[in-house]
Protein backbone atom coordinates (compact mmCIF):
# COMPACT_ATOMS: atom_id res chain seq x y z
CA MET A 1 -12.00 3.91 14.46
CA THR A 2 -13.42 -0.20 14.38
CA LEU A 3 -11.52 -2.62 17.28
CA LEU A 4 -13.84 -5.17 17.39
CA GLN A 5 -16.23 -6.03 14.94
CA VAL A 6 -18.33 -9.26 15.81
CA ARG A 7 -21.02 -10.61 13.59
CA ASP A 8 -23.54 -13.50 13.77
CA LEU A 9 -21.68 -14.70 17.01
CA ALA A 10 -23.35 -17.40 18.55
CA VAL A 11 -22.87 -20.33 21.22
CA GLU A 12 -24.11 -23.49 21.89
CA PHE A 13 -23.41 -25.93 24.74
CA SER A 14 -24.40 -30.19 24.64
CA THR A 15 -25.96 -30.82 28.07
CA ALA A 16 -27.11 -33.89 29.54
CA GLU A 17 -30.73 -32.06 29.26
CA GLY A 18 -30.19 -30.65 25.84
CA LEU A 19 -28.80 -28.17 23.37
CA VAL A 20 -28.35 -24.60 25.02
CA ARG A 21 -28.15 -22.13 22.77
CA ALA A 22 -27.04 -19.49 24.87
CA VAL A 23 -25.96 -17.02 22.36
CA LYS A 24 -28.01 -16.44 19.29
CA GLY A 25 -27.04 -14.48 16.14
CA VAL A 26 -25.33 -11.28 18.04
CA ASP A 27 -23.89 -8.21 16.13
CA PHE A 28 -22.02 -5.27 17.57
CA ASP A 29 -18.75 -3.04 17.44
CA VAL A 30 -16.88 -1.48 19.37
CA GLU A 31 -14.87 1.72 18.65
CA ARG A 32 -11.87 3.02 19.70
CA GLY A 33 -11.85 5.19 22.66
CA ARG A 34 -15.44 4.67 23.18
CA THR A 35 -17.71 2.10 25.78
CA LEU A 36 -20.32 -0.16 24.56
CA GLY A 37 -22.62 -1.47 26.95
CA ILE A 38 -24.51 -5.18 27.28
CA VAL A 39 -27.09 -4.87 29.79
CA GLY A 40 -29.45 -7.63 30.03
CA GLU A 41 -31.12 -10.03 33.03
CA SER A 42 -29.05 -12.89 34.37
CA GLY A 43 -29.34 -15.62 31.44
CA SER A 44 -29.56 -12.87 29.21
CA GLY A 45 -25.98 -14.31 27.09
CA LYS A 46 -24.01 -10.95 28.42
CA SER A 47 -20.98 -13.00 29.71
CA VAL A 48 -21.28 -15.95 27.21
CA THR A 49 -20.61 -13.45 24.45
CA SER A 50 -17.67 -11.64 26.32
CA LEU A 51 -16.27 -15.15 26.58
CA ALA A 52 -16.73 -15.63 23.31
CA VAL A 53 -14.99 -12.57 22.47
CA MET A 54 -11.47 -13.59 24.23
CA GLY A 55 -12.03 -17.28 23.37
CA LEU A 56 -11.94 -18.34 26.86
CA HIS A 57 -15.18 -21.25 26.38
CA ARG A 58 -14.49 -25.14 26.56
CA GLY A 59 -16.40 -27.55 25.41
CA ALA A 60 -18.88 -24.87 23.21
CA GLU A 61 -19.72 -24.37 19.64
CA VAL A 62 -18.82 -21.05 18.91
CA THR A 63 -19.00 -19.84 15.56
CA GLY A 64 -19.74 -16.50 13.16
CA SER A 65 -17.35 -13.76 13.42
CA VAL A 66 -15.14 -12.05 15.54
CA ASP A 67 -12.38 -9.64 14.25
CA PHE A 68 -10.24 -7.89 16.29
CA ASP A 69 -8.07 -5.15 14.12
CA GLY A 70 -8.29 -7.40 11.22
CA THR A 71 -7.58 -10.33 13.16
CA GLU A 72 -10.72 -13.21 12.69
CA LEU A 73 -10.78 -15.13 16.41
CA ILE A 74 -13.49 -17.64 15.40
CA GLY A 75 -11.66 -20.79 14.45
CA ALA A 76 -8.43 -19.73 14.89
CA PRO A 77 -5.32 -20.85 16.52
CA ASP A 78 -4.85 -21.10 20.32
CA GLU A 79 -1.66 -19.89 20.15
CA THR A 80 -3.04 -16.59 17.75
CA VAL A 81 -5.64 -15.85 20.22
CA ARG A 82 -3.51 -16.57 23.34
CA ARG A 83 -1.03 -13.72 22.11
CA LEU A 84 -3.69 -10.95 21.70
CA ARG A 85 -5.69 -12.27 25.25
CA GLY A 86 -3.70 -10.23 28.20
CA ARG A 87 -1.62 -8.33 25.58
CA ARG A 88 -4.15 -6.29 23.21
CA MET A 89 -7.31 -7.62 24.66
CA ALA A 90 -7.74 -7.97 28.52
CA MET A 91 -10.43 -8.95 30.89
CA ILE A 92 -12.03 -7.60 34.31
CA PHE A 93 -13.92 -10.15 36.10
CA GLN A 94 -16.67 -9.88 38.23
CA ASP A 95 -15.37 -11.57 41.23
CA ALA A 96 -11.54 -10.27 42.04
CA LEU A 97 -11.06 -12.10 45.09
CA THR A 98 -11.44 -15.74 42.83
CA ALA A 99 -10.08 -14.01 39.79
CA LEU A 100 -7.07 -13.53 41.66
CA HIS A 101 -4.50 -16.54 42.66
CA PRO A 102 -4.78 -16.51 46.93
CA TYR A 103 -0.95 -17.95 46.52
CA PHE A 104 0.83 -15.60 45.28
CA THR A 105 0.67 -11.74 45.39
CA ILE A 106 -0.42 -9.15 43.53
CA GLY A 107 2.82 -7.97 42.41
CA ASP A 108 3.86 -11.74 41.12
CA GLN A 109 0.30 -11.84 39.46
CA ILE A 110 0.90 -8.70 37.17
CA ALA A 111 4.47 -9.26 36.40
CA GLU A 112 4.06 -12.56 35.61
CA ALA A 113 1.85 -11.59 32.81
CA HIS A 114 4.51 -8.94 31.46
CA ARG A 115 7.00 -11.21 31.28
CA GLU A 116 4.72 -13.72 29.29
CA HIS A 117 3.58 -11.25 26.75
CA PHE A 118 7.07 -8.82 26.62
CA GLY A 119 9.80 -11.84 27.99
CA SER A 120 10.87 -8.77 30.34
CA SER A 121 13.01 -10.05 33.27
CA ARG A 122 12.19 -10.53 36.77
CA ARG A 123 13.03 -6.92 37.93
CA THR A 124 11.66 -4.82 34.76
CA ALA A 125 8.02 -6.45 34.97
CA TRP A 126 7.92 -6.07 39.05
CA ALA A 127 8.51 -2.14 38.14
CA ARG A 128 5.59 -2.32 35.83
CA ALA A 129 3.54 -4.08 38.55
CA VAL A 130 4.05 -1.15 40.92
CA GLU A 131 3.68 1.54 38.22
CA VAL A 132 0.74 0.23 37.17
CA LEU A 133 -0.86 0.04 40.97
CA GLY A 134 0.21 3.54 41.11
CA ASP A 135 -1.74 4.14 38.22
CA VAL A 136 -5.02 3.06 39.09
CA GLY A 137 -4.74 4.94 42.71
CA ILE A 138 -3.54 2.30 45.03
CA PRO A 139 -1.49 3.92 48.03
CA GLU A 140 2.24 2.97 48.46
CA PRO A 141 2.16 0.46 45.41
CA ALA A 142 5.44 -0.96 45.78
CA ARG A 143 4.80 -2.19 49.33
CA ARG A 144 0.91 -3.45 48.01
CA ALA A 145 2.74 -5.26 45.42
CA GLY A 146 4.08 -7.70 48.08
CA GLU A 147 0.86 -8.31 49.26
CA TYR A 148 -1.79 -11.25 49.21
CA PRO A 149 -5.66 -10.48 47.42
CA HIS A 150 -7.20 -11.29 51.08
CA GLN A 151 -5.24 -8.32 52.24
CA PHE A 152 -6.88 -6.09 50.04
CA SER A 153 -10.06 -4.49 50.67
CA GLY A 154 -12.91 -5.01 47.82
CA GLY A 155 -12.36 -1.83 46.16
CA MET A 156 -8.71 -1.99 46.01
CA ARG A 157 -9.02 -5.85 44.34
CA GLN A 158 -10.90 -4.84 42.11
CA ARG A 159 -8.51 -1.96 41.12
CA ALA A 160 -5.91 -4.92 41.69
CA MET A 161 -7.46 -6.37 39.03
CA ILE A 162 -7.72 -3.32 36.56
CA ALA A 163 -4.10 -2.93 37.10
CA LEU A 164 -3.56 -6.82 36.22
CA ALA A 165 -5.38 -6.33 32.72
CA LEU A 166 -3.87 -2.58 31.88
CA SER A 167 -0.43 -4.14 32.63
CA CYS A 168 0.22 -5.11 29.11
CA GLU A 169 -1.55 -1.76 28.24
CA PRO A 170 -3.86 -3.35 25.67
CA GLU A 171 -6.54 -1.69 23.45
CA LEU A 172 -9.53 -3.64 24.52
CA ILE A 173 -10.89 -4.36 28.27
CA ILE A 174 -14.22 -6.31 28.83
CA ALA A 175 -15.41 -5.35 32.35
CA ASP A 176 -17.51 -8.28 33.44
CA GLU A 177 -19.63 -7.12 36.09
CA PRO A 178 -16.56 -5.41 37.57
CA THR A 179 -18.56 -3.47 40.31
CA THR A 180 -20.57 -6.00 41.89
CA ALA A 181 -20.59 -6.42 45.53
CA LEU A 182 -19.24 -3.12 46.14
CA ASP A 183 -21.04 -0.06 47.84
CA VAL A 184 -22.03 2.65 45.58
CA THR A 185 -18.67 4.87 46.71
CA VAL A 186 -15.98 2.70 46.06
CA GLN A 187 -18.18 1.96 42.59
CA ALA A 188 -18.29 5.13 41.65
CA GLN A 189 -14.47 5.72 42.15
CA VAL A 190 -13.73 2.16 39.85
CA LEU A 191 -16.23 3.57 37.01
CA ASP A 192 -14.38 6.66 36.84
CA LEU A 193 -11.33 4.73 37.07
CA LEU A 194 -12.20 3.13 33.85
CA MET A 195 -13.67 6.34 32.45
CA LYS A 196 -10.47 7.88 32.65
CA LEU A 197 -8.24 5.66 31.38
CA LYS A 198 -10.69 5.33 28.44
CA GLU A 199 -10.01 8.88 27.48
CA GLU A 200 -6.15 8.85 28.56
CA ARG A 201 -5.34 6.14 26.46
CA GLY A 202 -8.06 5.58 23.39
CA LEU A 203 -9.49 2.00 24.92
CA GLY A 204 -12.65 0.44 23.78
CA ILE A 205 -14.33 -0.75 26.50
CA ILE A 206 -17.11 -3.63 26.81
CA MET A 207 -19.21 -2.89 29.84
CA ILE A 208 -21.20 -6.03 30.94
CA THR A 209 -23.87 -5.49 33.58
CA HIS A 210 -27.61 -5.83 34.53
CA ASP A 211 -27.52 -2.18 36.15
CA LEU A 212 -29.14 0.43 33.84
CA GLY A 213 -27.44 2.95 36.30
CA VAL A 214 -23.76 2.06 35.63
CA ILE A 215 -24.45 1.85 31.89
CA ALA A 216 -26.13 5.74 32.06
CA ARG A 217 -23.01 6.83 34.02
CA VAL A 218 -20.59 5.22 31.45
CA ALA A 219 -21.54 3.86 28.32
CA ASP A 220 -21.32 5.49 24.60
CA ASP A 221 -23.49 2.80 22.88
CA VAL A 222 -25.50 -0.16 24.14
CA LEU A 223 -26.76 -3.30 23.60
CA VAL A 224 -29.92 -5.03 25.29
CA MET A 225 -29.67 -8.47 25.40
CA TYR A 226 -32.91 -11.12 26.38
CA GLY A 227 -32.91 -14.58 26.12
CA GLY A 228 -29.36 -15.37 23.94
CA SER A 229 -30.42 -12.41 21.38
CA ALA A 230 -29.84 -8.56 20.83
CA VAL A 231 -33.32 -6.69 20.93
CA GLU A 232 -32.17 -3.00 20.51
CA GLN A 233 -29.28 -1.51 19.83
CA ALA A 234 -28.53 2.55 20.21
CA ASP A 235 -26.59 5.24 21.46
CA ALA A 236 -26.92 5.80 25.30
CA ASP A 237 -28.76 8.74 25.05
CA ALA A 238 -31.52 7.56 22.16
CA LEU A 239 -31.82 4.65 24.42
CA PHE A 240 -32.91 6.21 27.91
CA THR A 241 -34.97 8.90 26.19
CA ALA A 242 -36.76 6.78 23.73
CA PRO A 243 -36.34 3.40 24.05
CA ARG A 244 -38.28 1.09 21.34
CA HIS A 245 -38.51 -1.97 22.44
CA PRO A 246 -40.94 -3.15 25.05
CA TYR A 247 -38.40 -5.54 26.98
CA THR A 248 -36.08 -2.28 27.23
CA ARG A 249 -39.27 -0.09 27.96
CA GLY A 250 -39.96 -2.93 30.97
CA LEU A 251 -35.91 -2.36 32.48
CA LEU A 252 -36.12 1.17 32.17
CA ASP A 253 -39.96 1.62 34.23
CA SER A 254 -38.54 -1.01 36.98
CA LEU A 255 -35.61 1.69 37.93
CA PRO A 256 -36.64 4.33 40.90
CA ARG A 257 -37.09 7.45 40.28
CA LEU A 258 -36.89 10.48 42.09
CA ASP A 259 -39.51 12.47 40.43
CA ALA A 260 -41.66 9.26 40.75
CA GLY A 261 -43.71 10.69 44.08
CA GLY A 262 -47.30 12.20 43.83
CA ALA A 263 -48.29 15.58 44.43
CA GLN A 264 -47.78 15.55 48.12
CA GLY A 265 -44.32 13.20 47.16
CA GLU A 266 -46.14 9.91 48.05
CA GLU A 267 -44.23 6.66 47.26
CA THR A 268 -45.11 4.78 44.29
CA ALA A 269 -44.49 1.13 43.52
CA LEU A 270 -42.22 -0.03 41.07
CA ARG A 271 -43.48 -1.49 38.09
CA ALA A 272 -41.84 -5.05 37.36
CA ILE A 273 -41.43 -7.11 34.41
CA PRO A 274 -44.14 -9.49 34.53
CA GLY A 275 -42.79 -13.34 34.72
CA SER A 276 -39.35 -14.72 34.18
CA PRO A 277 -36.68 -14.93 31.82
CA PRO A 278 -37.04 -17.89 29.32
CA SER A 279 -35.39 -20.88 29.66
CA LEU A 280 -32.38 -21.60 27.05
CA LEU A 281 -33.09 -25.30 26.77
CA SER A 282 -36.92 -24.65 25.67
CA PRO A 283 -37.24 -20.79 24.62
CA PRO A 284 -40.83 -19.82 23.65
CA ALA A 285 -41.44 -19.67 19.60
CA GLY A 286 -40.65 -16.77 17.86
CA CYS A 287 -39.73 -13.45 20.06
CA ALA A 288 -38.52 -14.94 23.31
CA PHE A 289 -40.25 -11.83 25.00
CA HIS A 290 -43.10 -12.39 23.91
CA PRO A 291 -44.63 -13.89 26.57
CA ARG A 292 -43.85 -11.46 28.96
CA CYS A 293 -44.82 -8.54 26.26
CA PRO A 294 -47.48 -5.98 27.30
CA LEU A 295 -47.53 -5.00 23.90
CA TYR A 296 -48.27 -8.49 22.80
CA ALA A 297 -50.93 -9.33 25.64
CA ALA A 298 -52.60 -6.14 24.50
CA ALA A 299 -52.63 -7.10 20.86
CA PRO A 300 -50.81 -10.88 19.56
CA GLN A 301 -49.11 -10.25 16.38
CA ALA A 302 -48.89 -13.64 14.55
CA ALA A 303 -45.37 -12.40 13.65
CA CYS A 304 -44.63 -12.20 17.16
CA THR A 305 -44.36 -16.20 17.47
CA ASP A 306 -43.67 -17.36 13.89
CA ALA A 307 -39.89 -16.66 13.93
CA ARG A 308 -37.33 -14.39 16.17
CA PRO A 309 -37.10 -10.78 14.76
CA PRO A 310 -34.21 -8.96 14.22
CA LEU A 311 -32.90 -6.31 14.60
CA VAL A 312 -33.76 -3.28 11.98
CA GLN A 313 -33.38 0.02 12.27
CA VAL A 314 -35.93 2.22 13.81
CA ALA A 315 -34.60 5.68 13.56
CA PRO A 316 -32.10 7.45 11.26
CA SER A 317 -29.50 7.73 13.89
CA GLY A 318 -28.83 3.91 13.59
CA HIS A 319 -31.07 3.09 16.42
CA ARG A 320 -32.17 -0.88 16.14
CA SER A 321 -34.96 -2.71 17.86
CA ALA A 322 -36.02 -6.76 17.17
CA CYS A 323 -39.74 -6.27 17.41
CA VAL A 324 -42.27 -6.21 15.12
CA HIS A 325 -45.27 -4.85 16.59
CA PRO A 326 -46.48 -1.87 14.81
CA GLU A 327 -46.31 0.36 17.60
CA VAL A 328 -42.48 -0.41 17.80
CA ALA A 329 -41.48 -1.45 13.81
CA SER A 330 -42.76 1.42 12.47
CA PRO A 331 -39.77 2.74 9.80
CA CYS A 332 -37.08 5.24 10.26
């Protein structure tokens, strides 16, 4: 069942240098009990998209449609969005140390959210804080609820952030780079925790990251963004086994492979995508990826520079790609 439906989402910022079109015409759905991974390089529009869904942009023009379980959020009164935010949809931010308030204990911050949305007593809210800290695997939750963020390790702070997000039993969680700066062991623990909670509670999750390894581990469906636009959309298996957009292929080719050595196992160089991501102030004409695209370099197509290609279905499974090059845009 569809929990979140986003259509033609656009986010623009007015700056002293000009108009920044950070997100342009993005569509996606999030189903209950499934994880949508949104992946792309820094500056691709991933986090801007998530903040638009949560209604957290200030000073930006946000247009399109964000339908959360039948409630349209774009243009809705602030009070409507505020009642949903934290209660039915919650966000796990990238840096827990800066997202958590340094002057209040972890327990106080979780209890405050519960009291705000449920009107519960201090005793009930504190008991709920201890409960969710235990649910996310923090040892001695009754004691640690009385400690401050700086007294937690990086992995424990991230667990506390997840506990804060879960305290009001939301239906949708947006995790924005939740494992940044964590070592690989703690990263795996945090991701496993999120997947366990998804299975137990039927949550819809949006996982935002630049790390394709994270996407491969947790995502059911994947949206690839580049230059503020969606360039490929597919279920995770199809995307990793048969990517159809040259940017996605470039991302996958840039990953180290265990089987990449030669006959004697000698090392082989990683294949990086040439060039840099486009400026959102003055993006290239047409497909934003064409200046870096190996297909365009080998066989330029006028359509690549005429207009931004739409996402079109390229496989019967619903796999979609935004590329006009004949190698990619063959009909399904």
